[in-house]
Amino acid sequence: MSRNSFYYQLQLTSKKTDKELSKKVKAIFNDNYQAYGTRRLQAELREKSILLSRRRIGRIMQENG
């Protein structure tokens, strides 16, 4: 498989997972009276065995307003 094809496939799969992660981050944020920041959200996601960086969580939050 060529390098370009490999990274193209990675991009496609990451977009699908971003939507799923976005839903989970939104749900946790809204369930906690919209008071959680990136660090608390990261801790909650870690309890659910989802590993994300604070900065990625911040980007997801920023995209969703």
N, C-alpha and C. Protein backbone atom coordinates (compact mmCIF):
# COMPACT_ATOMS: atom_id res chain seq x y z
N MET A 1 0.85 -1.17 0.00
CA MET A 1 0.00 0.00 0.00
C MET A 1 0.90 1.23 0.00
N SER A 2 0.57 2.20 -0.80
CA SER A 2 1.39 3.40 -0.86
C SER A 2 1.17 4.26 0.39
N ARG A 3 2.11 5.10 0.67
CA ARG A 3 2.06 5.96 1.84
C ARG A 3 0.86 6.91 1.76
N ASN A 4 0.60 7.45 0.59
CA ASN A 4 -0.52 8.36 0.42
C ASN A 4 -1.86 7.68 0.71
N SER A 5 -2.00 6.48 0.24
CA SER A 5 -3.25 5.74 0.48
C SER A 5 -3.43 5.44 1.96
N PHE A 6 -2.36 5.09 2.62
CA PHE A 6 -2.42 4.78 4.05
C PHE A 6 -2.92 5.99 4.84
N TYR A 7 -2.33 7.15 4.62
CA TYR A 7 -2.71 8.34 5.37
C TYR A 7 -4.08 8.86 4.95
N TYR A 8 -4.46 8.64 3.71
CA TYR A 8 -5.80 9.01 3.27
C TYR A 8 -6.85 8.19 4.00
N GLN A 9 -6.62 6.90 4.15
CA GLN A 9 -7.54 6.03 4.89
C GLN A 9 -7.62 6.45 6.35
N LEU A 10 -6.49 6.83 6.93
CA LEU A 10 -6.49 7.30 8.31
C LEU A 10 -7.36 8.53 8.48
N GLN A 11 -7.29 9.44 7.53
CA GLN A 11 -8.12 10.64 7.59
C GLN A 11 -9.60 10.30 7.56
N LEU A 12 -9.98 9.38 6.72
CA LEU A 12 -11.38 9.01 6.60
C LEU A 12 -11.91 8.40 7.89
N THR A 13 -11.12 7.53 8.50
CA THR A 13 -11.58 6.89 9.73
C THR A 13 -11.58 7.86 10.90
N SER A 14 -10.66 8.83 10.92
CA SER A 14 -10.62 9.76 12.03
C SER A 14 -11.82 10.70 12.01
N LYS A 15 -12.35 11.02 10.83
CA LYS A 15 -13.53 11.88 10.75
C LYS A 15 -14.74 11.18 11.34
N LYS A 16 -14.86 9.87 11.13
CA LYS A 16 -15.97 9.12 11.69
C LYS A 16 -15.88 9.09 13.21
N THR A 17 -14.69 8.86 13.72
CA THR A 17 -14.54 8.77 15.17
C THR A 17 -14.69 10.14 15.82
N ASP A 18 -14.34 11.22 15.12
CA ASP A 18 -14.52 12.55 15.67
C ASP A 18 -15.98 12.84 15.95
N LYS A 19 -16.85 12.39 15.08
CA LYS A 19 -18.28 12.60 15.30
C LYS A 19 -18.77 11.86 16.53
N GLU A 20 -18.30 10.63 16.70
CA GLU A 20 -18.68 9.84 17.87
C GLU A 20 -18.14 10.46 19.15
N LEU A 21 -16.89 10.87 19.10
CA LEU A 21 -16.27 11.50 20.27
C LEU A 21 -16.96 12.81 20.60
N SER A 22 -17.34 13.53 19.59
CA SER A 22 -18.03 14.80 19.79
C SER A 22 -19.35 14.59 20.54
N LYS A 23 -20.07 13.56 20.17
CA LYS A 23 -21.33 13.26 20.86
C LYS A 23 -21.09 12.92 22.32
N LYS A 24 -20.04 12.14 22.60
CA LYS A 24 -19.74 11.75 23.98
C LYS A 24 -19.30 12.96 24.81
N VAL A 25 -18.47 13.82 24.23
CA VAL A 25 -18.02 15.01 24.95
C VAL A 25 -19.21 15.93 25.23
N LYS A 26 -20.08 16.10 24.25
CA LYS A 26 -21.27 16.93 24.44
C LYS A 26 -22.15 16.39 25.56
N ALA A 27 -22.35 15.08 25.56
CA ALA A 27 -23.21 14.46 26.57
C ALA A 27 -22.65 14.67 27.98
N ILE A 28 -21.36 14.44 28.15
CA ILE A 28 -20.75 14.62 29.47
C ILE A 28 -20.83 16.09 29.88
N PHE A 29 -20.55 16.99 28.95
CA PHE A 29 -20.57 18.42 29.23
C PHE A 29 -21.97 18.87 29.65
N ASN A 30 -22.99 18.43 28.92
CA ASN A 30 -24.35 18.84 29.23
C ASN A 30 -24.90 18.17 30.49
N ASP A 31 -24.49 16.95 30.77
CA ASP A 31 -24.94 16.26 31.97
C ASP A 31 -24.41 16.90 33.24
N ASN A 32 -23.32 17.64 33.13
CA ASN A 32 -22.70 18.26 34.29
C ASN A 32 -22.89 19.77 34.28
N TYR A 33 -24.06 20.21 33.88
CA TYR A 33 -24.48 21.61 33.92
C TYR A 33 -23.55 22.55 33.15
N GLN A 34 -22.94 22.04 32.13
CA GLN A 34 -22.03 22.80 31.26
C GLN A 34 -20.95 23.51 32.05
N ALA A 35 -20.48 22.86 33.11
CA ALA A 35 -19.48 23.46 33.99
C ALA A 35 -18.12 22.78 33.89
N TYR A 36 -18.02 21.68 33.17
CA TYR A 36 -16.75 20.96 33.09
C TYR A 36 -15.84 21.57 32.03
N GLY A 37 -14.59 21.65 32.37
CA GLY A 37 -13.58 22.09 31.41
C GLY A 37 -12.90 20.88 30.80
N THR A 38 -11.81 21.14 30.11
CA THR A 38 -11.14 20.07 29.39
C THR A 38 -10.54 19.03 30.33
N ARG A 39 -10.02 19.48 31.47
CA ARG A 39 -9.38 18.53 32.39
C ARG A 39 -10.39 17.59 33.03
N ARG A 40 -11.52 18.12 33.43
CA ARG A 40 -12.55 17.25 34.01
C ARG A 40 -13.15 16.34 32.97
N LEU A 41 -13.35 16.86 31.78
CA LEU A 41 -13.87 16.02 30.69
C LEU A 41 -12.89 14.89 30.38
N GLN A 42 -11.60 15.20 30.38
CA GLN A 42 -10.61 14.18 30.13
C GLN A 42 -10.66 13.10 31.20
N ALA A 43 -10.84 13.50 32.46
CA ALA A 43 -10.93 12.53 33.55
C ALA A 43 -12.17 11.64 33.41
N GLU A 44 -13.29 12.24 33.04
CA GLU A 44 -14.53 11.47 32.84
C GLU A 44 -14.38 10.48 31.69
N LEU A 45 -13.78 10.93 30.60
CA LEU A 45 -13.58 10.05 29.46
C LEU A 45 -12.60 8.93 29.79
N ARG A 46 -11.60 9.24 30.60
CA ARG A 46 -10.63 8.22 31.00
C ARG A 46 -11.31 7.14 31.83
N GLU A 47 -12.26 7.52 32.67
CA GLU A 47 -13.02 6.54 33.45
C GLU A 47 -13.80 5.60 32.55
N LYS A 48 -14.20 6.10 31.38
CA LYS A 48 -14.94 5.29 30.41
C LYS A 48 -14.00 4.62 29.40
N SER A 49 -12.71 4.61 29.70
CA SER A 49 -11.68 3.98 28.87
C SER A 49 -11.52 4.62 27.50
N ILE A 50 -11.70 5.94 27.44
CA ILE A 50 -11.49 6.68 26.21
C ILE A 50 -10.34 7.64 26.47
N LEU A 51 -9.24 7.45 25.75
CA LEU A 51 -8.07 8.27 25.96
C LEU A 51 -7.99 9.36 24.90
N LEU A 52 -8.07 10.61 25.35
CA LEU A 52 -7.96 11.77 24.48
C LEU A 52 -7.10 12.82 25.16
N SER A 53 -6.42 13.62 24.39
CA SER A 53 -5.64 14.71 24.98
C SER A 53 -6.57 15.88 25.30
N ARG A 54 -6.12 16.70 26.24
CA ARG A 54 -6.91 17.88 26.60
C ARG A 54 -7.09 18.80 25.41
N ARG A 55 -6.07 18.90 24.61
CA ARG A 55 -6.15 19.82 23.48
C ARG A 55 -7.15 19.34 22.42
N ARG A 56 -7.22 18.06 22.23
CA ARG A 56 -8.21 17.53 21.29
C ARG A 56 -9.62 17.73 21.82
N ILE A 57 -9.79 17.54 23.13
CA ILE A 57 -11.10 17.80 23.74
C ILE A 57 -11.45 19.27 23.59
N GLY A 58 -10.47 20.13 23.77
CA GLY A 58 -10.69 21.57 23.59
C GLY A 58 -11.10 21.91 22.18
N ARG A 59 -10.46 21.27 21.21
CA ARG A 59 -10.84 21.51 19.81
C ARG A 59 -12.27 21.06 19.54
N ILE A 60 -12.63 19.90 20.09
CA ILE A 60 -14.00 19.40 19.90
C ILE A 60 -15.00 20.37 20.53
N MET A 61 -14.67 20.86 21.73
CA MET A 61 -15.55 21.82 22.39
C MET A 61 -15.68 23.11 21.59
N GLN A 62 -14.57 23.57 21.06
CA GLN A 62 -14.57 24.80 20.29
C GLN A 62 -15.40 24.67 19.01
N GLU A 63 -15.31 23.51 18.35
CA GLU A 63 -16.09 23.27 17.14
C GLU A 63 -17.58 23.25 17.43
N ASN A 64 -17.95 22.78 18.62
CA ASN A 64 -19.36 22.67 18.97
C ASN A 64 -19.90 23.89 19.72
N GLY A 65 -19.07 24.86 19.91
CA GLY A 65 -19.49 26.09 20.56
C GLY A 65 -19.65 25.92 22.05
